[in-house]
PDB file of all heavy atoms in Angstrom:
ATOM      1  N   TYR A   1      99.002 118.385  91.857  1.00  0.00           N
ATOM      2  CA  TYR A   1      99.434 119.394  90.896  1.00  0.00           C
ATOM      3  C   TYR A   1      99.227 118.857  89.489  1.00  0.00           C
ATOM      4  O   TYR A   1      99.371 117.657  89.243  1.00  0.00           O
ATOM      5  CB  TYR A   1     100.911 119.726  91.119  1.00  0.00           C
ATOM      6  CG  TYR A   1     101.171 120.318  92.486  1.00  0.00           C
ATOM      7  CD1 TYR A   1     101.312 119.498  93.600  1.00  0.00           C
ATOM      8  CD2 TYR A   1     101.253 121.699  92.668  1.00  0.00           C
ATOM      9  CE1 TYR A   1     101.531 120.038  94.866  1.00  0.00           C
ATOM     10  CE2 TYR A   1     101.475 122.249  93.919  1.00  0.00           C
ATOM     11  CZ  TYR A   1     101.614 121.410  95.012  1.00  0.00           C
ATOM     12  OH  TYR A   1     101.815 121.947  96.250  1.00  0.00           O
ATOM     13  N   VAL A   2      98.919 119.760  88.566  1.00  0.00           N
ATOM     14  CA  VAL A   2      98.702 119.364  87.177  1.00  0.00           C
ATOM     15  C   VAL A   2      99.719 120.072  86.283  1.00  0.00           C
ATOM     16  O   VAL A   2     100.036 121.242  86.491  1.00  0.00           O
ATOM     17  CB  VAL A   2      97.253 119.667  86.725  1.00  0.00           C
ATOM     18  CG1 VAL A   2      96.953 121.161  86.787  1.00  0.00           C
ATOM     19  CG2 VAL A   2      96.986 119.121  85.334  1.00  0.00           C
ATOM     20  N   CYS A   3     100.251 119.347  85.310  1.00  0.00           N
ATOM     21  CA  CYS A   3     101.160 119.942  84.335  1.00  0.00           C
ATOM     22  C   CYS A   3     100.341 120.824  83.399  1.00  0.00           C
ATOM     23  O   CYS A   3      99.397 120.356  82.764  1.00  0.00           O
ATOM     24  CB  CYS A   3     101.874 118.841  83.546  1.00  0.00           C
ATOM     25  SG  CYS A   3     102.938 119.476  82.227  1.00  0.00           S
ATOM     26  N   ARG A   4     100.688 122.097  83.323  1.00  0.00           N
ATOM     27  CA  ARG A   4      99.956 123.034  82.470  1.00  0.00           C
ATOM     28  C   ARG A   4     100.165 122.743  80.990  1.00  0.00           C
ATOM     29  O   ARG A   4      99.388 123.165  80.147  1.00  0.00           O
ATOM     30  CB  ARG A   4     100.411 124.479  82.744  1.00  0.00           C
ATOM     31  CG  ARG A   4     100.064 124.993  84.114  1.00  0.00           C
ATOM     32  CD  ARG A   4     100.432 126.458  84.293  1.00  0.00           C
ATOM     33  NE  ARG A   4     101.835 126.729  84.045  1.00  0.00           N
ATOM     34  CZ  ARG A   4     102.297 127.428  82.998  1.00  0.00           C
ATOM     35  NH1 ARG A   4     101.488 127.905  82.100  1.00  0.00           N
ATOM     36  NH2 ARG A   4     103.584 127.640  82.854  1.00  0.00           N
ATOM     37  N   ILE A   5     101.201 121.990  80.667  1.00  0.00           N
ATOM     38  CA  ILE A   5     101.524 121.722  79.273  1.00  0.00           C
ATOM     39  C   ILE A   5     100.682 120.579  78.716  1.00  0.00           C
ATOM     40  O   ILE A   5     100.056 120.704  77.669  1.00  0.00           O
ATOM     41  CB  ILE A   5     103.022 121.401  79.106  1.00  0.00           C
ATOM     42  CG1 ILE A   5     103.893 122.508  79.732  1.00  0.00           C
ATOM     43  CG2 ILE A   5     103.370 121.183  77.640  1.00  0.00           C
ATOM     44  CD1 ILE A   5     103.645 123.897  79.196  1.00  0.00           C
ATOM     45  N   CYS A   6     100.654 119.443  79.427  1.00  0.00           N
ATOM     46  CA  CYS A   6      99.970 118.271  78.861  1.00  0.00           C
ATOM     47  C   CYS A   6      98.832 117.728  79.710  1.00  0.00           C
ATOM     48  O   CYS A   6      98.105 116.847  79.280  1.00  0.00           O
ATOM     49  CB  CYS A   6     100.982 117.155  78.596  1.00  0.00           C
ATOM     50  SG  CYS A   6     101.656 116.423  80.107  1.00  0.00           S
ATOM     51  N   GLY A   7      98.680 118.230  80.952  1.00  0.00           N
ATOM     52  CA  GLY A   7      97.564 117.788  81.776  1.00  0.00           C
ATOM     53  C   GLY A   7      97.851 116.611  82.693  1.00  0.00           C
ATOM     54  O   GLY A   7      96.965 116.148  83.410  1.00  0.00           O
ATOM     55  N   TRP A   8      99.115 116.101  82.731  1.00  0.00           N
ATOM     56  CA  TRP A   8      99.443 114.997  83.626  1.00  0.00           C
ATOM     57  C   TRP A   8      99.319 115.467  85.077  1.00  0.00           C
ATOM     58  O   TRP A   8      99.691 116.586  85.422  1.00  0.00           O
ATOM     59  CB  TRP A   8     100.871 114.504  83.358  1.00  0.00           C
ATOM     60  CG  TRP A   8     101.269 113.336  84.213  1.00  0.00           C
ATOM     61  CD1 TRP A   8     100.897 112.049  84.052  1.00  0.00           C
ATOM     62  CD2 TRP A   8     102.116 113.380  85.366  1.00  0.00           C
ATOM     63  NE1 TRP A   8     101.467 111.264  85.043  1.00  0.00           N
ATOM     64  CE2 TRP A   8     102.212 112.055  85.855  1.00  0.00           C
ATOM     65  CE3 TRP A   8     102.797 114.394  86.034  1.00  0.00           C
ATOM     66  CZ2 TRP A   8     102.972 111.731  86.980  1.00  0.00           C
ATOM     67  CZ3 TRP A   8     103.558 114.077  87.160  1.00  0.00           C
ATOM     68  CH2 TRP A   8     103.636 112.752  87.618  1.00  0.00           C
ATOM     69  N   VAL A   9      98.740 114.611  85.953  1.00  0.00           N
ATOM     70  CA  VAL A   9      98.487 114.986  87.339  1.00  0.00           C
ATOM     71  C   VAL A   9      99.464 114.279  88.271  1.00  0.00           C
ATOM     72  O   VAL A   9      99.629 113.050  88.204  1.00  0.00           O
ATOM     73  CB  VAL A   9      97.037 114.649  87.744  1.00  0.00           C
ATOM     74  CG1 VAL A   9      96.823 114.878  89.232  1.00  0.00           C
ATOM     75  CG2 VAL A   9      96.059 115.473  86.927  1.00  0.00           C
ATOM     76  N   TYR A  10     100.132 115.064  89.134  1.00  0.00           N
ATOM     77  CA  TYR A  10     100.959 114.533  90.211  1.00  0.00           C
ATOM     78  C   TYR A  10     100.117 114.601  91.473  1.00  0.00           C
ATOM     79  O   TYR A  10      99.683 115.685  91.887  1.00  0.00           O
ATOM     80  CB  TYR A  10     102.241 115.357  90.387  1.00  0.00           C
ATOM     81  CG  TYR A  10     103.019 114.990  91.626  1.00  0.00           C
ATOM     82  CD1 TYR A  10     103.868 113.891  91.618  1.00  0.00           C
ATOM     83  CD2 TYR A  10     102.888 115.722  92.795  1.00  0.00           C
ATOM     84  CE1 TYR A  10     104.574 113.532  92.751  1.00  0.00           C
ATOM     85  CE2 TYR A  10     103.595 115.377  93.936  1.00  0.00           C
ATOM     86  CZ  TYR A  10     104.433 114.284  93.914  1.00  0.00           C
ATOM     87  OH  TYR A  10     105.132 113.924  95.044  1.00  0.00           O
ATOM     88  N   GLU A  11      99.837 113.444  92.081  1.00  0.00           N
ATOM     89  CA  GLU A  11      99.026 113.416  93.296  1.00  0.00           C
ATOM     90  C   GLU A  11      99.943 113.398  94.502  1.00  0.00           C
ATOM     91  O   GLU A  11     100.678 112.445  94.712  1.00  0.00           O
ATOM     92  CB  GLU A  11      98.099 112.203  93.286  1.00  0.00           C
ATOM     93  CG  GLU A  11      97.045 112.281  92.192  1.00  0.00           C
ATOM     94  CD  GLU A  11      96.102 111.091  92.189  1.00  0.00           C
ATOM     95  OE1 GLU A  11      96.102 110.322  93.165  1.00  0.00           O
ATOM     96  OE2 GLU A  11      95.381 110.924  91.202  1.00  0.00           O
ATOM     97  N   GLY A  12      99.915 114.459  95.247  1.00  0.00           N
ATOM     98  CA  GLY A  12     100.743 114.569  96.432  1.00  0.00           C
ATOM     99  C   GLY A  12     100.556 115.933  97.073  1.00  0.00           C
ATOM    100  O   GLY A  12     100.086 116.873  96.434  1.00  0.00           O
ATOM    101  N   GLU A  13     100.919 116.030  98.338  1.00  0.00           N
ATOM    102  CA  GLU A  13     100.741 117.281  99.074  1.00  0.00           C
ATOM    103  C   GLU A  13     101.725 118.352  98.619  1.00  0.00           C
ATOM    104  O   GLU A  13     101.387 119.514  98.543  1.00  0.00           O
ATOM    105  CB  GLU A  13     100.901 117.034 100.584  1.00  0.00           C
ATOM    106  CG  GLU A  13      99.819 116.156 101.181  1.00  0.00           C
ATOM    107  CD  GLU A  13      98.449 116.811 101.130  1.00  0.00           C
ATOM    108  OE1 GLU A  13      98.348 118.042 101.317  1.00  0.00           O
ATOM    109  OE2 GLU A  13      97.469 116.092 100.877  1.00  0.00           O
ATOM    110  N   GLU A  14     102.988 117.933  98.363  1.00  0.00           N
ATOM    111  CA  GLU A  14     104.006 118.888  97.919  1.00  0.00           C
ATOM    112  C   GLU A  14     104.614 118.421  96.607  1.00  0.00           C
ATOM    113  O   GLU A  14     104.909 117.237  96.430  1.00  0.00           O
ATOM    114  CB  GLU A  14     105.114 119.021  98.972  1.00  0.00           C
ATOM    115  CG  GLU A  14     104.693 119.818 100.190  1.00  0.00           C
ATOM    116  CD  GLU A  14     105.876 120.142 101.084  1.00  0.00           C
ATOM    117  OE1 GLU A  14     106.991 120.359 100.559  1.00  0.00           O
ATOM    118  OE2 GLU A  14     105.679 120.158 102.303  1.00  0.00           O
ATOM    119  N   LEU A  15     104.838 119.364  95.714  1.00  0.00           N
ATOM    120  CA  LEU A  15     105.441 119.057  94.421  1.00  0.00           C
ATOM    121  C   LEU A  15     106.958 119.048  94.572  1.00  0.00           C
ATOM    122  O   LEU A  15     107.549 120.043  94.999  1.00  0.00           O
ATOM    123  CB  LEU A  15     105.029 120.111  93.390  1.00  0.00           C
ATOM    124  CG  LEU A  15     105.503 119.872  91.961  1.00  0.00           C
ATOM    125  CD1 LEU A  15     104.744 118.695  91.350  1.00  0.00           C
ATOM    126  CD2 LEU A  15     105.288 121.124  91.125  1.00  0.00           C
ATOM    127  N   PRO A  16     107.633 117.952  94.223  1.00  0.00           N
ATOM    128  CA  PRO A  16     109.098 117.932  94.299  1.00  0.00           C
ATOM    129  C   PRO A  16     109.713 118.991  93.375  1.00  0.00           C
ATOM    130  O   PRO A  16     109.242 119.187  92.249  1.00  0.00           O
ATOM    131  CB  PRO A  16     109.461 116.524  93.810  1.00  0.00           C
ATOM    132  CG  PRO A  16     108.219 115.712  93.990  1.00  0.00           C
ATOM    133  CD  PRO A  16     107.081 116.660  93.801  1.00  0.00           C
ATOM    134  N   GLU A  17     110.732 119.671  93.855  1.00  0.00           N
ATOM    135  CA  GLU A  17     111.373 120.731  93.067  1.00  0.00           C
ATOM    136  C   GLU A  17     112.008 120.198  91.788  1.00  0.00           C
ATOM    137  O   GLU A  17     112.084 120.904  90.793  1.00  0.00           O
ATOM    138  CB  GLU A  17     112.439 121.447  93.902  1.00  0.00           C
ATOM    139  CG  GLU A  17     111.867 122.291  95.016  1.00  0.00           C
ATOM    140  CD  GLU A  17     112.948 122.993  95.817  1.00  0.00           C
ATOM    141  OE1 GLU A  17     114.110 123.064  95.342  1.00  0.00           O
ATOM    142  OE2 GLU A  17     112.638 123.474  96.917  1.00  0.00           O
ATOM    143  N   ASP A  18     112.448 118.950  91.825  1.00  0.00           N
ATOM    144  CA  ASP A  18     113.141 118.379  90.663  1.00  0.00           C
ATOM    145  C   ASP A  18     112.228 117.518  89.786  1.00  0.00           C
ATOM    146  O   ASP A  18     112.702 116.771  88.935  1.00  0.00           O
ATOM    147  CB  ASP A  18     114.344 117.548  91.115  1.00  0.00           C
ATOM    148  CG  ASP A  18     113.934 116.377  92.004  1.00  0.00           C
ATOM    149  OD1 ASP A  18     112.762 116.322  92.461  1.00  0.00           O
ATOM    150  OD2 ASP A  18     114.787 115.501  92.240  1.00  0.00           O
ATOM    151  N   ILE A  19     110.916 117.663  89.957  1.00  0.00           N
ATOM    152  CA  ILE A  19     109.990 116.828  89.179  1.00  0.00           C
ATOM    153  C   ILE A  19     110.106 117.137  87.685  1.00  0.00           C
ATOM    154  O   ILE A  19     110.323 118.281  87.282  1.00  0.00           O
ATOM    155  CB  ILE A  19     108.524 117.014  89.652  1.00  0.00           C
ATOM    156  CG1 ILE A  19     107.641 115.925  89.014  1.00  0.00           C
ATOM    157  CG2 ILE A  19     108.017 118.405  89.308  1.00  0.00           C
ATOM    158  CD1 ILE A  19     106.281 115.813  89.645  1.00  0.00           C
ATOM    159  N   VAL A  20     110.018 116.081  86.887  1.00  0.00           N
ATOM    160  CA  VAL A  20     109.968 116.204  85.432  1.00  0.00           C
ATOM    161  C   VAL A  20     108.735 115.431  84.979  1.00  0.00           C
ATOM    162  O   VAL A  20     108.573 114.261  85.320  1.00  0.00           O
ATOM    163  CB  VAL A  20     111.235 115.633  84.763  1.00  0.00           C
ATOM    164  CG1 VAL A  20     111.097 115.651  83.250  1.00  0.00           C
ATOM    165  CG2 VAL A  20     112.471 116.416  85.202  1.00  0.00           C
ATOM    166  N   CYS A  21     107.852 116.098  84.257  1.00  0.00           N
ATOM    167  CA  CYS A  21     106.634 115.451  83.782  1.00  0.00           C
ATOM    168  C   CYS A  21     107.000 114.250  82.913  1.00  0.00           C
ATOM    169  O   CYS A  21     107.793 114.383  81.980  1.00  0.00           O
ATOM    170  CB  CYS A  21     105.784 116.443  82.987  1.00  0.00           C
ATOM    171  SG  CYS A  21     104.293 115.691  82.304  1.00  0.00           S
ATOM    172  N   PRO A  22     106.450 113.065  83.202  1.00  0.00           N
ATOM    173  CA  PRO A  22     106.800 111.882  82.423  1.00  0.00           C
ATOM    174  C   PRO A  22     106.259 111.919  80.988  1.00  0.00           C
ATOM    175  O   PRO A  22     106.735 111.181  80.137  1.00  0.00           O
ATOM    176  CB  PRO A  22     106.170 110.727  83.216  1.00  0.00           C
ATOM    177  CG  PRO A  22     105.069 111.360  83.985  1.00  0.00           C
ATOM    178  CD  PRO A  22     105.524 112.749  84.294  1.00  0.00           C
ATOM    179  N   LEU A  23     105.290 112.778  80.715  1.00  0.00           N
ATOM    180  CA  LEU A  23     104.723 112.850  79.375  1.00  0.00           C
ATOM    181  C   LEU A  23     105.417 113.873  78.498  1.00  0.00           C
ATOM    182  O   LEU A  23     105.842 113.574  77.384  1.00  0.00           O
ATOM    183  CB  LEU A  23     103.224 113.166  79.437  1.00  0.00           C
ATOM    184  CG  LEU A  23     102.346 112.129  80.118  1.00  0.00           C
ATOM    185  CD1 LEU A  23     100.895 112.561  80.067  1.00  0.00           C
ATOM    186  CD2 LEU A  23     102.515 110.762  79.478  1.00  0.00           C
ATOM    187  N   CYS A  24     105.524 115.114  78.977  1.00  0.00           N
ATOM    188  CA  CYS A  24     106.054 116.172  78.106  1.00  0.00           C
ATOM    189  C   CYS A  24     107.437 116.660  78.514  1.00  0.00           C
ATOM    190  O   CYS A  24     108.010 117.520  77.847  1.00  0.00           O
ATOM    191  CB  CYS A  24     105.080 117.347  78.046  1.00  0.00           C
ATOM    192  SG  CYS A  24     104.952 118.275  79.594  1.00  0.00           S
ATOM    193  N   LYS A  25     107.966 116.138  79.630  1.00  0.00           N
ATOM    194  CA  LYS A  25     109.327 116.435  80.094  1.00  0.00           C
ATOM    195  C   LYS A  25     109.531 117.877  80.562  1.00  0.00           C
ATOM    196  O   LYS A  25     110.649 118.357  80.600  1.00  0.00           O
ATOM    197  CB  LYS A  25     110.371 116.117  79.004  1.00  0.00           C
ATOM    198  CG  LYS A  25     110.314 114.698  78.509  1.00  0.00           C
ATOM    199  CD  LYS A  25     110.527 113.698  79.613  1.00  0.00           C
ATOM    200  CE  LYS A  25     110.556 112.277  79.063  1.00  0.00           C
ATOM    201  NZ  LYS A  25     110.451 111.272  80.098  1.00  0.00           N
ATOM    202  N   HIS A  26     108.452 118.560  80.950  1.00  0.00           N
ATOM    203  CA  HIS A  26     108.587 119.901  81.509  1.00  0.00           C
ATOM    204  C   HIS A  26     108.750 119.795  83.022  1.00  0.00           C
ATOM    205  O   HIS A  26     108.303 118.826  83.638  1.00  0.00           O
ATOM    206  CB  HIS A  26     107.382 120.761  81.142  1.00  0.00           C
ATOM    207  CG  HIS A  26     107.420 121.211  79.719  1.00  0.00           C
ATOM    208  ND1 HIS A  26     107.645 122.513  79.349  1.00  0.00           N
ATOM    209  CD2 HIS A  26     107.289 120.530  78.550  1.00  0.00           C
ATOM    210  CE1 HIS A  26     107.657 122.614  78.043  1.00  0.00           C
ATOM    211  NE2 HIS A  26     107.432 121.421  77.526  1.00  0.00           N
ATOM    212  N   GLY A  27     109.400 120.807  83.606  1.00  0.00           N
ATOM    213  CA  GLY A  27     109.735 120.783  85.028  1.00  0.00           C
ATOM    214  C   GLY A  27     108.695 121.406  85.931  1.00  0.00           C
ATOM    215  O   GLY A  27     107.588 121.776  85.509  1.00  0.00           O
ATOM    216  N   ALA A  28     109.079 121.573  87.206  1.00  0.00           N
ATOM    217  CA  ALA A  28     108.169 122.039  88.250  1.00  0.00           C
ATOM    218  C   ALA A  28     107.545 123.400  87.927  1.00  0.00           C
ATOM    219  O   ALA A  28     106.405 123.671  88.311  1.00  0.00           O
ATOM    220  CB  ALA A  28     108.909 122.106  89.591  1.00  0.00           C
ATOM    221  N   ALA A  29     108.251 124.270  87.219  1.00  0.00           N
ATOM    222  CA  ALA A  29     107.721 125.604  86.888  1.00  0.00           C
ATOM    223  C   ALA A  29     106.463 125.526  86.042  1.00  0.00           C
ATOM    224  O   ALA A  29     105.684 126.484  86.009  1.00  0.00           O
ATOM    225  CB  ALA A  29     108.793 126.420  86.174  1.00  0.00           C
ATOM    226  N   ASP A  30     106.256 124.403  85.361  1.00  0.00           N
ATOM    227  CA  ASP A  30     105.083 124.258  84.502  1.00  0.00           C
ATOM    228  C   ASP A  30     103.951 123.472  85.159  1.00  0.00           C
ATOM    229  O   ASP A  30     103.021 123.034  84.484  1.00  0.00           O
ATOM    230  CB  ASP A  30     105.471 123.620  83.172  1.00  0.00           C
ATOM    231  CG  ASP A  30     106.253 124.583  82.299  1.00  0.00           C
ATOM    232  OD1 ASP A  30     105.808 125.715  82.145  1.00  0.00           O
ATOM    233  OD2 ASP A  30     107.322 124.191  81.789  1.00  0.00           O
ATOM    234  N   PHE A  31     104.013 123.295  86.483  1.00  0.00           N
ATOM    235  CA  PHE A  31     102.929 122.661  87.230  1.00  0.00           C
ATOM    236  C   PHE A  31     102.188 123.716  88.031  1.00  0.00           C
ATOM    237  O   PHE A  31     102.752 124.717  88.459  1.00  0.00           O
ATOM    238  CB  PHE A  31     103.486 121.608  88.198  1.00  0.00           C
ATOM    239  CG  PHE A  31     103.835 120.304  87.548  1.00  0.00           C
ATOM    240  CD1 PHE A  31     105.015 120.160  86.820  1.00  0.00           C
ATOM    241  CD2 PHE A  31     102.999 119.216  87.651  1.00  0.00           C
ATOM    242  CE1 PHE A  31     105.345 118.961  86.210  1.00  0.00           C
ATOM    243  CE2 PHE A  31     103.312 117.992  87.054  1.00  0.00           C
ATOM    244  CZ  PHE A  31     104.491 117.875  86.337  1.00  0.00           C
TER     245      PHE A  31
END
């Protein structure tokens, strides 16, 4: 999954519901 805000990529099959982007601090709704 990629953060739509800053482009950071989470590599994994499922995106954790409580994920917070380490770069821009946006949550799962913005991936």
